[in-house]
Amino acid sequence: MAAVPADDRLRIDRLIALMTIEEKAGQLTLLADPFRWRPTGVNPGDADDLNTDQARIARMIRAGGLGALFNGVGAAAGRSLQRLAVEESRLGIPLLFAADIIHGLHTIFPVPLAEAASWDPELARQTARAA
């Protein structure tokens, strides 16, 4: 793994020093994306999930209390959410967007452990790129 350049480390250290404990914890928070299309009825109790409250999650983003959204599909809404994080939060930290690809949102590949057992790193790169 490449070393982080000294000027980037300094920038990161300064940013962390500015963060409240709530913002630090927020960067570790990952919630289901209620703003963009996502599969429904997949997880038991999904309809009752409190993570689907859009107004509450928008407030969390503005407050720096959310680091990532999970399983949303759609670039336009993703850009809008990213704008909210970068332009309307105190420190402007971008959101991470994640997808549960192991369960086949748009792809069906073996889990990474099974791909590793193939001893074919190029295959793993290709499936990760497709996912």
N, C-alpha and C. Protein backbone atom coordinates (compact mmCIF):
# COMPACT_ATOMS: atom_id res chain seq x y z
N MET A 1 0.84 -1.17 0.00
CA MET A 1 0.00 0.00 0.00
C MET A 1 0.89 1.24 0.00
N ALA A 2 0.54 2.21 -0.82
CA ALA A 2 1.33 3.43 -0.92
C ALA A 2 1.17 4.29 0.32
N ALA A 3 2.24 4.97 0.68
CA ALA A 3 2.21 5.87 1.83
C ALA A 3 1.40 7.12 1.48
N VAL A 4 0.72 7.66 2.48
CA VAL A 4 -0.04 8.90 2.29
C VAL A 4 0.95 10.05 2.32
N PRO A 5 0.93 10.93 1.29
CA PRO A 5 1.86 12.06 1.27
C PRO A 5 1.71 12.92 2.54
N ALA A 6 2.81 13.52 2.98
CA ALA A 6 2.84 14.28 4.22
C ALA A 6 1.82 15.41 4.23
N ASP A 7 1.64 16.12 3.11
CA ASP A 7 0.68 17.23 3.09
C ASP A 7 -0.75 16.72 3.24
N ASP A 8 -1.06 15.54 2.70
CA ASP A 8 -2.39 14.95 2.87
C ASP A 8 -2.59 14.52 4.32
N ARG A 9 -1.56 13.95 4.94
CA ARG A 9 -1.66 13.54 6.35
C ARG A 9 -1.94 14.76 7.23
N LEU A 10 -1.26 15.86 6.94
CA LEU A 10 -1.46 17.08 7.72
C LEU A 10 -2.89 17.60 7.55
N ARG A 11 -3.39 17.58 6.32
CA ARG A 11 -4.77 18.02 6.05
C ARG A 11 -5.77 17.14 6.79
N ILE A 12 -5.54 15.84 6.78
CA ILE A 12 -6.42 14.90 7.48
C ILE A 12 -6.36 15.13 8.99
N ASP A 13 -5.15 15.30 9.52
CA ASP A 13 -5.01 15.56 10.96
C ASP A 13 -5.73 16.84 11.37
N ARG A 14 -5.63 17.88 10.56
CA ARG A 14 -6.33 19.13 10.85
C ARG A 14 -7.84 18.95 10.83
N LEU A 15 -8.33 18.19 9.85
CA LEU A 15 -9.77 17.94 9.75
C LEU A 15 -10.26 17.16 10.97
N ILE A 16 -9.55 16.13 11.36
CA ILE A 16 -9.95 15.33 12.53
C ILE A 16 -9.94 16.19 13.79
N ALA A 17 -8.96 17.08 13.90
CA ALA A 17 -8.90 17.96 15.08
C ALA A 17 -10.11 18.89 15.15
N LEU A 18 -10.68 19.25 14.00
CA LEU A 18 -11.85 20.13 13.96
C LEU A 18 -13.15 19.40 14.28
N MET A 19 -13.15 18.08 14.12
CA MET A 19 -14.37 17.31 14.26
C MET A 19 -14.78 17.14 15.72
N THR A 20 -16.09 17.22 15.95
CA THR A 20 -16.63 16.89 17.26
C THR A 20 -16.68 15.36 17.39
N ILE A 21 -16.88 14.88 18.59
CA ILE A 21 -17.02 13.44 18.79
C ILE A 21 -18.24 12.91 18.03
N GLU A 22 -19.30 13.72 17.95
CA GLU A 22 -20.50 13.32 17.20
C GLU A 22 -20.20 13.19 15.71
N GLU A 23 -19.40 14.12 15.16
CA GLU A 23 -19.04 14.03 13.74
C GLU A 23 -18.13 12.83 13.47
N LYS A 24 -17.24 12.54 14.39
CA LYS A 24 -16.38 11.37 14.22
C LYS A 24 -17.22 10.09 14.22
N ALA A 25 -18.15 10.00 15.16
CA ALA A 25 -19.05 8.84 15.18
C ALA A 25 -19.92 8.81 13.94
N GLY A 26 -20.35 9.98 13.49
CA GLY A 26 -21.18 10.06 12.27
C GLY A 26 -20.47 9.51 11.05
N GLN A 27 -19.17 9.71 10.96
CA GLN A 27 -18.42 9.18 9.83
C GLN A 27 -18.40 7.65 9.82
N LEU A 28 -18.71 7.05 10.94
CA LEU A 28 -18.77 5.58 11.03
C LEU A 28 -20.18 5.05 10.82
N THR A 29 -21.14 5.95 10.59
CA THR A 29 -22.54 5.57 10.47
C THR A 29 -22.90 5.29 9.02
N LEU A 30 -23.52 4.14 8.78
CA LEU A 30 -23.97 3.70 7.47
C LEU A 30 -25.44 3.34 7.59
N LEU A 31 -26.30 4.02 6.81
CA LEU A 31 -27.74 3.75 6.84
C LEU A 31 -28.25 3.38 5.45
N ALA A 32 -29.38 2.70 5.42
CA ALA A 32 -30.04 2.41 4.15
C ALA A 32 -30.43 3.72 3.49
N ASP A 33 -30.27 3.81 2.19
CA ASP A 33 -30.54 5.03 1.42
C ASP A 33 -32.03 5.15 1.13
N PRO A 34 -32.73 6.09 1.79
CA PRO A 34 -34.17 6.23 1.55
C PRO A 34 -34.49 7.21 0.42
N PHE A 35 -33.48 7.82 -0.19
CA PHE A 35 -33.69 8.85 -1.20
C PHE A 35 -33.73 8.29 -2.62
N ARG A 36 -33.05 7.18 -2.83
CA ARG A 36 -32.94 6.62 -4.18
C ARG A 36 -33.59 5.24 -4.20
N TRP A 37 -33.88 4.76 -5.40
CA TRP A 37 -34.49 3.44 -5.54
C TRP A 37 -33.58 2.41 -4.90
N ARG A 38 -34.18 1.46 -4.22
CA ARG A 38 -33.47 0.30 -3.70
C ARG A 38 -34.46 -0.86 -3.65
N PRO A 39 -33.97 -2.07 -3.68
CA PRO A 39 -34.88 -3.21 -3.59
C PRO A 39 -35.67 -3.16 -2.29
N THR A 40 -36.93 -3.52 -2.34
CA THR A 40 -37.74 -3.55 -1.13
C THR A 40 -38.16 -4.98 -0.83
N GLY A 41 -38.56 -5.19 0.39
CA GLY A 41 -39.03 -6.51 0.80
C GLY A 41 -37.95 -7.55 0.88
N VAL A 42 -36.70 -7.12 0.87
CA VAL A 42 -35.59 -8.06 0.91
C VAL A 42 -35.25 -8.44 2.34
N ASN A 43 -35.24 -7.45 3.21
CA ASN A 43 -34.89 -7.68 4.61
C ASN A 43 -36.14 -7.69 5.46
N PRO A 44 -36.25 -8.63 6.40
CA PRO A 44 -37.42 -8.65 7.29
C PRO A 44 -37.53 -7.32 8.04
N GLY A 45 -38.73 -6.78 8.12
CA GLY A 45 -38.95 -5.53 8.84
C GLY A 45 -38.50 -4.30 8.08
N ASP A 46 -38.12 -4.43 6.81
CA ASP A 46 -37.62 -3.31 6.02
C ASP A 46 -38.61 -2.15 6.00
N ALA A 47 -39.88 -2.43 5.86
CA ALA A 47 -40.89 -1.37 5.79
C ALA A 47 -41.00 -0.61 7.10
N ASP A 48 -40.66 -1.26 8.20
CA ASP A 48 -40.74 -0.62 9.51
C ASP A 48 -39.43 0.06 9.91
N ASP A 49 -38.43 -0.01 9.04
CA ASP A 49 -37.10 0.49 9.38
C ASP A 49 -37.12 2.00 9.55
N LEU A 50 -36.64 2.48 10.69
CA LEU A 50 -36.59 3.91 10.95
C LEU A 50 -35.61 4.64 10.04
N ASN A 51 -34.71 3.90 9.37
CA ASN A 51 -33.74 4.52 8.48
C ASN A 51 -34.40 5.10 7.23
N THR A 52 -35.69 4.89 7.02
CA THR A 52 -36.34 5.39 5.81
C THR A 52 -36.87 6.81 5.96
N ASP A 53 -36.64 7.46 7.07
CA ASP A 53 -37.11 8.81 7.32
C ASP A 53 -36.18 9.81 6.62
N GLN A 54 -36.59 10.30 5.44
CA GLN A 54 -35.73 11.16 4.63
C GLN A 54 -35.37 12.47 5.32
N ALA A 55 -36.33 13.12 5.97
CA ALA A 55 -36.05 14.40 6.62
C ALA A 55 -35.02 14.22 7.74
N ARG A 56 -35.16 13.15 8.52
CA ARG A 56 -34.22 12.88 9.60
C ARG A 56 -32.82 12.62 9.06
N ILE A 57 -32.73 11.85 7.98
CA ILE A 57 -31.42 11.53 7.42
C ILE A 57 -30.80 12.76 6.78
N ALA A 58 -31.58 13.61 6.14
CA ALA A 58 -31.05 14.86 5.58
C ALA A 58 -30.47 15.73 6.70
N ARG A 59 -31.16 15.78 7.84
CA ARG A 59 -30.63 16.53 8.99
C ARG A 59 -29.32 15.92 9.47
N MET A 60 -29.24 14.60 9.49
CA MET A 60 -28.00 13.93 9.91
C MET A 60 -26.85 14.29 8.98
N ILE A 61 -27.13 14.31 7.67
CA ILE A 61 -26.09 14.65 6.69
C ILE A 61 -25.60 16.08 6.93
N ARG A 62 -26.53 17.01 7.08
CA ARG A 62 -26.15 18.42 7.32
C ARG A 62 -25.36 18.58 8.61
N ALA A 63 -25.65 17.77 9.61
CA ALA A 63 -24.97 17.85 10.91
C ALA A 63 -23.65 17.08 10.93
N GLY A 64 -23.29 16.44 9.82
CA GLY A 64 -22.07 15.63 9.80
C GLY A 64 -22.23 14.33 10.56
N GLY A 65 -23.48 13.89 10.74
CA GLY A 65 -23.75 12.70 11.53
C GLY A 65 -23.96 11.45 10.72
N LEU A 66 -23.54 11.46 9.45
CA LEU A 66 -23.71 10.28 8.60
C LEU A 66 -22.54 10.21 7.63
N GLY A 67 -21.90 9.06 7.54
CA GLY A 67 -20.75 8.91 6.67
C GLY A 67 -21.05 8.21 5.36
N ALA A 68 -22.13 7.39 5.33
CA ALA A 68 -22.37 6.61 4.12
C ALA A 68 -23.84 6.21 4.02
N LEU A 69 -24.28 6.02 2.79
CA LEU A 69 -25.62 5.50 2.49
C LEU A 69 -25.45 4.21 1.72
N PHE A 70 -26.36 3.29 1.97
CA PHE A 70 -26.23 1.92 1.49
C PHE A 70 -27.37 1.55 0.56
N ASN A 71 -27.04 0.97 -0.58
CA ASN A 71 -27.97 0.34 -1.52
C ASN A 71 -28.93 1.28 -2.25
N GLY A 72 -28.57 2.50 -2.47
CA GLY A 72 -29.38 3.37 -3.32
C GLY A 72 -28.89 3.29 -4.75
N VAL A 73 -29.80 3.46 -5.70
CA VAL A 73 -29.44 3.41 -7.12
C VAL A 73 -29.91 4.69 -7.77
N GLY A 74 -29.01 5.38 -8.47
CA GLY A 74 -29.37 6.58 -9.21
C GLY A 74 -28.37 7.69 -9.03
N ALA A 75 -27.75 8.10 -10.14
CA ALA A 75 -26.68 9.10 -10.07
C ALA A 75 -27.21 10.50 -9.75
N ALA A 76 -28.34 10.90 -10.30
CA ALA A 76 -28.85 12.26 -10.09
C ALA A 76 -29.14 12.50 -8.60
N ALA A 77 -29.84 11.60 -7.96
CA ALA A 77 -30.13 11.75 -6.54
C ALA A 77 -28.85 11.63 -5.72
N GLY A 78 -27.93 10.78 -6.15
CA GLY A 78 -26.64 10.66 -5.46
C GLY A 78 -25.87 11.96 -5.49
N ARG A 79 -25.87 12.65 -6.64
CA ARG A 79 -25.21 13.96 -6.74
C ARG A 79 -25.87 14.97 -5.81
N SER A 80 -27.19 14.94 -5.73
CA SER A 80 -27.91 15.85 -4.85
C SER A 80 -27.55 15.60 -3.39
N LEU A 81 -27.47 14.34 -3.01
CA LEU A 81 -27.09 14.00 -1.64
C LEU A 81 -25.64 14.41 -1.35
N GLN A 82 -24.78 14.21 -2.34
CA GLN A 82 -23.38 14.60 -2.15
C GLN A 82 -23.26 16.12 -1.99
N ARG A 83 -24.06 16.87 -2.74
CA ARG A 83 -24.06 18.33 -2.62
C ARG A 83 -24.49 18.72 -1.21
N LEU A 84 -25.50 18.05 -0.69
CA LEU A 84 -25.97 18.30 0.67
C LEU A 84 -24.82 18.10 1.67
N ALA A 85 -24.08 17.02 1.52
CA ALA A 85 -22.97 16.73 2.45
C ALA A 85 -21.83 17.72 2.30
N VAL A 86 -21.45 18.02 1.08
CA VAL A 86 -20.27 18.85 0.84
C VAL A 86 -20.55 20.34 1.04
N GLU A 87 -21.73 20.79 0.63
CA GLU A 87 -22.02 22.22 0.68
C GLU A 87 -22.81 22.66 1.91
N GLU A 88 -23.53 21.76 2.55
CA GLU A 88 -24.39 22.18 3.65
C GLU A 88 -24.00 21.63 5.01
N SER A 89 -22.92 20.85 5.07
CA SER A 89 -22.44 20.40 6.37
C SER A 89 -21.27 21.28 6.80
N ARG A 90 -20.99 21.31 8.05
CA ARG A 90 -19.97 22.19 8.61
C ARG A 90 -18.59 21.94 8.01
N LEU A 91 -18.20 20.68 7.86
CA LEU A 91 -16.85 20.37 7.39
C LEU A 91 -16.79 19.93 5.93
N GLY A 92 -17.93 19.73 5.29
CA GLY A 92 -17.96 19.40 3.87
C GLY A 92 -17.37 18.05 3.51
N ILE A 93 -17.48 17.08 4.40
CA ILE A 93 -16.94 15.75 4.13
C ILE A 93 -17.92 15.00 3.22
N PRO A 94 -17.45 14.50 2.07
CA PRO A 94 -18.34 13.78 1.16
C PRO A 94 -18.86 12.48 1.76
N LEU A 95 -20.05 12.08 1.30
CA LEU A 95 -20.62 10.79 1.68
C LEU A 95 -19.95 9.67 0.89
N LEU A 96 -19.94 8.49 1.47
CA LEU A 96 -19.60 7.28 0.73
C LEU A 96 -20.91 6.62 0.34
N PHE A 97 -20.96 6.02 -0.83
CA PHE A 97 -22.13 5.27 -1.27
C PHE A 97 -21.72 3.81 -1.41
N ALA A 98 -22.47 2.93 -0.79
CA ALA A 98 -22.13 1.51 -0.79
C ALA A 98 -23.28 0.71 -1.37
N ALA A 99 -22.96 -0.49 -1.81
CA ALA A 99 -23.99 -1.39 -2.33
C ALA A 99 -23.69 -2.81 -1.86
N ASP A 100 -24.73 -3.52 -1.53
CA ASP A 100 -24.60 -4.89 -1.06
C ASP A 100 -24.53 -5.82 -2.26
N ILE A 101 -23.45 -5.74 -2.98
CA ILE A 101 -23.30 -6.48 -4.23
C ILE A 101 -23.23 -7.99 -3.98
N ILE A 102 -22.74 -8.39 -2.82
CA ILE A 102 -22.66 -9.83 -2.53
C ILE A 102 -24.01 -10.49 -2.74
N HIS A 103 -25.09 -9.77 -2.41
CA HIS A 103 -26.42 -10.34 -2.55
C HIS A 103 -27.01 -10.12 -3.94
N GLY A 104 -26.24 -9.50 -4.86
CA GLY A 104 -26.65 -9.42 -6.24
C GLY A 104 -27.62 -8.32 -6.58
N LEU A 105 -27.35 -7.07 -6.17
CA LEU A 105 -28.23 -5.96 -6.51
C LEU A 105 -28.42 -5.86 -8.02
N HIS A 106 -27.33 -5.80 -8.76
CA HIS A 106 -27.41 -5.81 -10.23
C HIS A 106 -26.50 -6.86 -10.84
N THR A 107 -25.79 -7.57 -10.02
CA THR A 107 -24.84 -8.57 -10.51
C THR A 107 -24.99 -9.83 -9.67
N ILE A 108 -24.53 -10.93 -10.21
CA ILE A 108 -24.50 -12.17 -9.44
C ILE A 108 -23.12 -12.78 -9.65
N PHE A 109 -22.28 -12.60 -8.64
CA PHE A 109 -20.94 -13.17 -8.63
C PHE A 109 -20.76 -13.89 -7.30
N PRO A 110 -19.80 -14.77 -7.23
CA PRO A 110 -19.51 -15.40 -5.94
C PRO A 110 -19.07 -14.35 -4.92
N VAL A 111 -19.19 -14.67 -3.64
CA VAL A 111 -18.69 -13.78 -2.60
C VAL A 111 -17.18 -13.66 -2.76
N PRO A 112 -16.57 -12.56 -2.28
CA PRO A 112 -15.13 -12.36 -2.47
C PRO A 112 -14.27 -13.52 -1.96
N LEU A 113 -14.67 -14.15 -0.86
CA LEU A 113 -13.89 -15.28 -0.36
C LEU A 113 -13.85 -16.41 -1.38
N ALA A 114 -14.98 -16.67 -2.03
CA ALA A 114 -15.03 -17.72 -3.05
C ALA A 114 -14.19 -17.33 -4.26
N GLU A 115 -14.24 -16.05 -4.65
CA GLU A 115 -13.39 -15.61 -5.76
C GLU A 115 -11.91 -15.76 -5.41
N ALA A 116 -11.56 -15.45 -4.17
CA ALA A 116 -10.16 -15.59 -3.75
C ALA A 116 -9.70 -17.04 -3.86
N ALA A 117 -10.60 -17.96 -3.61
CA ALA A 117 -10.26 -19.38 -3.69
C ALA A 117 -9.95 -19.81 -5.13
N SER A 118 -10.33 -18.99 -6.10
CA SER A 118 -10.02 -19.32 -7.50
C SER A 118 -8.56 -19.03 -7.84
N TRP A 119 -7.87 -18.29 -7.00
CA TRP A 119 -6.49 -17.87 -7.24
C TRP A 119 -6.36 -17.13 -8.56
N ASP A 120 -7.40 -16.37 -8.92
CA ASP A 120 -7.40 -15.62 -10.17
C ASP A 120 -7.66 -14.14 -9.86
N PRO A 121 -6.61 -13.38 -9.51
CA PRO A 121 -6.80 -11.97 -9.15
C PRO A 121 -7.44 -11.14 -10.25
N GLU A 122 -7.16 -11.46 -11.50
CA GLU A 122 -7.75 -10.69 -12.60
C GLU A 122 -9.26 -10.90 -12.65
N LEU A 123 -9.73 -12.10 -12.38
CA LEU A 123 -11.16 -12.36 -12.31
C LEU A 123 -11.80 -11.53 -11.20
N ALA A 124 -11.16 -11.48 -10.04
CA ALA A 124 -11.69 -10.68 -8.93
C ALA A 124 -11.74 -9.21 -9.31
N ARG A 125 -10.72 -8.70 -10.00
CA ARG A 125 -10.74 -7.29 -10.44
C ARG A 125 -11.89 -7.04 -11.41
N GLN A 126 -12.10 -7.97 -12.33
CA GLN A 126 -13.16 -7.80 -13.33
C GLN A 126 -14.54 -7.81 -12.68
N THR A 127 -14.78 -8.70 -11.74
CA THR A 127 -16.10 -8.75 -11.10
C THR A 127 -16.30 -7.55 -10.19
N ALA A 128 -15.25 -7.09 -9.51
CA ALA A 128 -15.38 -5.89 -8.68
C ALA A 128 -15.68 -4.68 -9.56
N ARG A 129 -15.05 -4.59 -10.72
CA ARG A 129 -15.30 -3.48 -11.63
C ARG A 129 -16.74 -3.52 -12.14
N ALA A 130 -17.24 -4.70 -12.47
CA ALA A 130 -18.62 -4.82 -12.93
C ALA A 130 -19.61 -4.47 -11.83
N ALA A 131 -19.29 -4.89 -10.62
CA ALA A 131 -20.18 -4.59 -9.49
C ALA A 131 -20.20 -3.11 -9.23
